Amino acid sequence: MTTDTKDIPVVILAGGRGTRLMEETQVIPKPMVTIGGKPILWHIMMTYGHYGYRKFVVCLGYKGHVIKEYFMNLLKHTSSVTINSRSGEFIYEADKTPDWDLSLVETGENSLTGTRVKMVERYLDAPHFCLTYGDGVCNVDLAAQWEFHQSHGRIGTVTAVHPPSRFGMIEISDDAGVSSFQEKEPLHHDYINGGFFLFKREFLERLPVDGNYSLESDPLTRLARDGELAAFKHNGFWQCMDTLRDRENLEKVYDSGKAPWVRW
């Protein structure tokens, strides 16, 4: 049975502390660190929105009130407004404000990723749900990913991406000459977990009710061991924002006007 993407909830893990980005996250949670004046969380949601997803379940934790304040006032943050200075009446021009249904769910300041997903189970009312981290952007084709997920019949799909290199690469010949010099590019010899998951709802039955556990430890390891996890290979742009350098690089890409993930 085919499900329309507008009915599929998108779970975003947005509760971590972002300790390697403390220059920013002492005041705001990591998913609210901005690229081009908008939180990276907003960029992620806009990517999903481009493919028709409109139901979001955001797992809150560290400084979750900042995320609540932003989205409860999203109209103010994203719309033009016309004001009558004498009467104080105002009208928002909301044509550029996304049409989203959001559940901003408190999942505990110290909860690990798996625990957070289990805690939002009651918000996931469709046969499938998406899941991703609140600190990474990419230009993955989410329509093709959804078709792939439906085709293979396994419980889960993970987007497999090439890790970006933090250093330039050189190739050295036998006589010590440099035969190739390349600026920082993705490392194409291997794949890593890039987030942007799709799961059948039955995956939630595999998550323990008690305890504090990461999604990446037992649940995903066991899913792979059971042959129930498929990889959707993405060879395009992917970048997480772990450090201040990552944030600065993403800002430069966005400022260039050619950010690969921006399709709206």
Protein backbone atom coordinates (compact mmCIF):
# COMPACT_ATOMS: atom_id res chain seq x y z
CA MET A 1 0.00 0.00 0.00
CA THR A 2 1.40 3.38 -1.02
CA THR A 3 1.36 6.16 1.58
CA ASP A 4 1.39 9.82 0.62
CA THR A 5 4.48 11.53 2.06
CA LYS A 6 2.33 14.29 3.57
CA ASP A 7 0.95 11.65 5.96
CA ILE A 8 4.36 10.28 7.00
CA PRO A 9 5.71 11.78 10.26
CA VAL A 10 9.29 13.03 10.23
CA VAL A 11 11.05 12.59 13.56
CA ILE A 12 13.99 14.93 14.15
CA LEU A 13 16.41 14.34 17.01
CA ALA A 14 17.01 17.82 18.42
CA GLY A 15 17.81 17.24 22.09
CA GLY A 16 21.58 16.89 22.22
CA ARG A 17 23.99 19.35 23.78
CA GLY A 18 26.39 19.83 20.86
CA THR A 19 29.46 19.93 23.12
CA ARG A 20 31.88 20.35 20.20
CA LEU A 21 30.06 23.52 19.18
CA MET A 22 30.02 25.19 22.60
CA GLU A 23 30.82 28.59 21.09
CA GLU A 24 27.20 28.55 19.90
CA THR A 25 25.42 26.03 22.10
CA GLN A 26 26.03 27.64 25.46
CA VAL A 27 23.02 29.83 24.65
CA ILE A 28 20.97 27.83 22.14
CA PRO A 29 20.58 24.13 21.29
CA LYS A 30 22.64 22.81 18.40
CA PRO A 31 19.71 22.49 15.94
CA MET A 32 19.07 26.23 16.36
CA VAL A 33 22.56 27.24 15.22
CA THR A 34 21.96 29.23 12.05
CA ILE A 35 22.99 28.97 8.42
CA GLY A 36 22.09 32.04 6.42
CA GLY A 37 20.10 33.43 9.33
CA LYS A 38 17.86 30.35 9.70
CA PRO A 39 18.35 27.44 12.14
CA ILE A 40 19.81 24.29 10.62
CA LEU A 41 16.68 22.57 11.94
CA TRP A 42 14.60 24.80 9.65
CA HIS A 43 16.83 23.89 6.68
CA ILE A 44 16.28 20.17 7.37
CA MET A 45 12.52 20.64 7.59
CA MET A 46 12.49 22.66 4.38
CA THR A 47 14.31 19.81 2.63
CA TYR A 48 11.62 17.37 3.72
CA GLY A 49 8.93 19.90 2.87
CA HIS A 50 10.23 20.11 -0.70
CA TYR A 51 9.30 16.44 -1.10
CA GLY A 52 5.82 16.83 0.35
CA TYR A 53 6.44 15.95 3.99
CA ARG A 54 4.59 18.26 6.36
CA LYS A 55 4.21 16.39 9.69
CA PHE A 56 7.15 16.86 12.04
CA VAL A 57 7.86 15.42 15.48
CA VAL A 58 10.80 17.22 17.06
CA CYS A 59 12.45 15.47 20.03
CA LEU A 60 13.42 18.20 22.48
CA GLY A 61 15.97 18.08 25.27
CA TYR A 62 18.74 20.56 25.99
CA LYS A 63 17.33 24.12 25.85
CA GLY A 64 14.20 22.83 24.15
CA HIS A 65 12.34 26.01 25.08
CA VAL A 66 14.37 27.90 22.46
CA ILE A 67 13.02 25.60 19.73
CA LYS A 68 9.49 25.99 21.08
CA GLU A 69 9.74 29.77 21.07
CA TYR A 70 11.01 29.81 17.49
CA PHE A 71 8.32 27.60 16.01
CA MET A 72 5.50 29.05 18.07
CA ASN A 73 6.45 32.34 16.43
CA LEU A 74 7.38 30.96 13.00
CA LEU A 75 4.95 33.30 11.28
CA LYS A 76 6.79 36.28 12.77
CA HIS A 77 10.18 34.88 11.82
CA THR A 78 9.35 34.03 8.22
CA SER A 79 6.64 36.46 7.06
CA SER A 80 6.39 40.05 5.96
CA VAL A 81 3.99 42.07 8.05
CA THR A 82 1.85 45.17 7.36
CA ILE A 83 1.15 47.35 10.43
CA ASN A 84 -1.15 50.29 11.06
CA SER A 85 0.89 52.40 13.44
CA ARG A 86 -2.14 54.16 14.96
CA SER A 87 -4.42 51.17 15.60
CA GLY A 88 -1.68 48.64 16.13
CA GLU A 89 -3.43 46.24 13.78
CA PHE A 90 -1.19 44.04 11.70
CA ILE A 91 -1.50 41.46 8.96
CA TYR A 92 1.05 38.77 8.23
CA GLU A 93 1.75 37.93 4.62
CA ALA A 94 2.06 34.21 5.24
CA ASP A 95 2.50 32.98 1.68
CA LYS A 96 6.16 32.11 2.34
CA THR A 97 5.56 30.44 5.70
CA PRO A 98 5.61 26.62 5.42
CA ASP A 99 2.36 24.75 6.05
CA TRP A 100 3.55 22.28 8.67
CA ASP A 101 2.02 20.33 11.54
CA LEU A 102 4.54 20.20 14.37
CA SER A 103 4.74 18.27 17.62
CA LEU A 104 7.51 19.65 19.83
CA VAL A 105 7.96 16.87 22.37
CA GLU A 106 9.95 17.04 25.60
CA THR A 107 12.03 13.85 25.65
CA GLY A 108 14.42 14.64 28.51
CA GLU A 109 17.63 16.62 28.68
CA ASN A 110 19.88 13.57 29.11
CA SER A 111 18.03 10.99 27.00
CA LEU A 112 19.94 9.14 24.30
CA THR A 113 18.70 8.88 20.72
CA GLY A 114 16.91 5.54 20.97
CA THR A 115 15.10 6.55 24.13
CA ARG A 116 13.92 9.76 22.49
CA VAL A 117 12.43 7.87 19.54
CA LYS A 118 10.58 5.47 21.85
CA MET A 119 9.19 8.43 23.81
CA VAL A 120 7.47 9.89 20.72
CA GLU A 121 5.89 6.59 19.67
CA ARG A 122 2.35 7.83 20.25
CA TYR A 123 2.88 10.65 17.73
CA LEU A 124 3.77 8.22 14.94
CA ASP A 125 0.38 7.22 13.57
CA ALA A 126 1.30 6.09 10.03
CA PRO A 127 2.65 2.77 8.67
CA HIS A 128 6.05 4.40 8.11
CA PHE A 129 8.04 7.26 9.62
CA CYS A 130 11.17 9.20 8.77
CA LEU A 131 13.93 9.88 11.25
CA THR A 132 16.98 12.10 11.08
CA TYR A 133 19.43 14.08 13.18
CA GLY A 134 18.98 17.79 13.80
CA ASP A 135 22.45 18.81 12.68
CA GLY A 136 22.99 17.66 9.10
CA VAL A 137 21.95 18.82 5.62
CA CYS A 138 22.19 17.10 2.27
CA ASN A 139 20.69 17.02 -1.21
CA VAL A 140 19.46 13.42 -1.03
CA ASP A 141 16.55 12.63 -3.36
CA LEU A 142 13.90 11.82 -0.75
CA ALA A 143 11.37 10.83 -3.42
CA ALA A 144 13.74 8.17 -4.79
CA GLN A 145 14.56 7.11 -1.24
CA TRP A 146 10.86 6.59 -0.47
CA GLU A 147 10.43 4.47 -3.61
CA PHE A 148 13.51 2.44 -2.64
CA HIS A 149 12.18 1.92 0.90
CA GLN A 150 8.87 0.63 -0.44
CA SER A 151 10.57 -1.70 -2.90
CA HIS A 152 12.92 -3.70 -0.68
CA GLY A 153 10.45 -4.80 2.01
CA ARG A 154 12.83 -4.49 4.95
CA ILE A 155 11.94 -2.65 8.16
CA GLY A 156 14.43 0.18 7.79
CA THR A 157 16.35 2.28 5.30
CA VAL A 158 19.42 4.32 6.17
CA THR A 159 20.93 6.93 3.88
CA ALA A 160 24.55 5.92 3.30
CA VAL A 161 26.84 8.85 2.54
CA HIS A 162 30.52 9.42 1.89
CA PRO A 163 32.29 11.08 4.83
CA PRO A 164 33.71 14.50 3.99
CA SER A 165 37.46 14.81 4.25
CA ARG A 166 38.78 17.44 6.66
CA PHE A 167 42.09 17.65 4.82
CA GLY A 168 43.27 17.93 1.23
CA MET A 169 44.65 14.77 -0.38
CA ILE A 170 47.95 14.35 -2.21
CA GLU A 171 49.26 11.38 -4.19
CA ILE A 172 53.00 10.81 -4.12
CA SER A 173 54.89 8.96 -6.86
CA ASP A 174 57.85 6.63 -6.31
CA ASP A 175 60.36 9.44 -6.88
CA ALA A 176 58.69 11.58 -4.16
CA GLY A 177 56.97 13.82 -6.69
CA VAL A 178 53.43 14.93 -6.01
CA SER A 179 51.37 13.41 -8.81
CA SER A 180 48.01 14.69 -7.61
CA PHE A 181 46.89 17.49 -5.31
CA GLN A 182 43.21 17.73 -4.38
CA GLU A 183 41.37 20.14 -2.12
CA LYS A 184 39.05 18.71 0.53
CA GLU A 185 36.53 16.38 -1.08
CA PRO A 186 34.33 13.50 0.12
CA LEU A 187 36.13 10.22 0.71
CA HIS A 188 34.57 7.96 -1.93
CA HIS A 189 36.00 4.66 -0.72
CA ASP A 190 33.54 4.13 2.13
CA TYR A 191 30.05 4.90 3.42
CA ILE A 192 28.84 6.11 6.80
CA ASN A 193 25.45 6.58 8.45
CA GLY A 194 24.10 9.87 7.10
CA GLY A 195 20.77 9.80 8.96
CA PHE A 196 17.68 10.48 6.84
CA PHE A 197 16.18 7.11 7.81
CA LEU A 198 12.86 5.56 6.82
CA PHE A 199 11.26 2.90 9.01
CA LYS A 200 8.19 0.76 9.07
CA ARG A 201 6.31 1.53 12.27
CA GLU A 202 7.04 -1.97 13.56
CA PHE A 203 10.61 -0.80 14.23
CA LEU A 204 9.22 0.87 17.37
CA GLU A 205 8.41 -2.58 18.79
CA ARG A 206 12.15 -3.30 18.81
CA LEU A 207 12.90 -0.34 21.08
CA PRO A 208 12.98 -1.16 24.81
CA VAL A 209 10.45 0.59 27.02
CA ASP A 210 12.93 1.04 29.87
CA GLY A 211 16.50 2.24 30.03
CA ASN A 212 18.48 4.97 28.33
CA TYR A 213 20.05 3.79 25.09
CA SER A 214 21.31 5.08 21.78
CA LEU A 215 19.57 4.24 18.53
CA GLU A 216 22.92 3.47 16.93
CA SER A 217 23.92 0.79 19.44
CA ASP A 218 21.64 -2.19 19.90
CA PRO A 219 18.50 -1.25 17.87
CA LEU A 220 20.21 -0.48 14.55
CA THR A 221 22.95 -3.09 15.08
CA ARG A 222 20.33 -5.77 15.68
CA LEU A 223 18.23 -4.56 12.74
CA ALA A 224 21.24 -4.91 10.43
CA ARG A 225 22.13 -8.31 11.90
CA ASP A 226 18.59 -9.53 11.22
CA GLY A 227 18.83 -8.44 7.60
CA GLU A 228 16.13 -5.80 8.07
CA LEU A 229 18.13 -2.65 7.24
CA ALA A 230 18.80 -1.49 3.68
CA ALA A 231 21.17 1.26 2.53
CA PHE A 232 20.06 4.00 0.17
CA LYS A 233 23.37 5.15 -1.33
CA HIS A 234 23.72 8.90 -1.70
CA ASN A 235 26.77 10.11 -3.59
CA GLY A 236 25.91 13.80 -3.52
CA PHE A 237 26.33 16.53 -0.95
CA TRP A 238 26.10 15.73 2.78
CA GLN A 239 27.49 17.68 5.71
CA CYS A 240 26.87 17.52 9.44
CA MET A 241 27.59 20.46 11.74
CA ASP A 242 29.73 19.12 14.55
CA THR A 243 32.18 21.97 15.00
CA LEU A 244 32.49 25.71 14.49
CA ARG A 245 34.54 24.98 11.36
CA ASP A 246 31.65 22.92 9.98
CA ARG A 247 29.26 25.76 10.66
CA GLU A 248 31.56 28.28 8.97
CA ASN A 249 31.94 26.01 5.91
CA LEU A 250 28.17 25.56 5.61
CA GLU A 251 27.73 29.33 5.90
CA LYS A 252 30.21 29.87 3.04
CA VAL A 253 28.40 27.32 0.86
CA TYR A 254 25.06 28.99 1.60
CA ASP A 255 26.42 32.48 0.95
CA SER A 256 27.69 31.33 -2.46
CA GLY A 257 24.06 31.06 -3.60
CA LYS A 258 24.72 27.47 -4.71
CA ALA A 259 23.96 25.48 -1.55
CA PRO A 260 23.17 21.98 -2.88
CA TRP A 261 20.52 21.27 -0.24
CA VAL A 262 18.50 24.44 -0.94
CA ARG A 263 15.70 23.48 -3.32
CA TRP A 264 12.93 25.74 -2.10
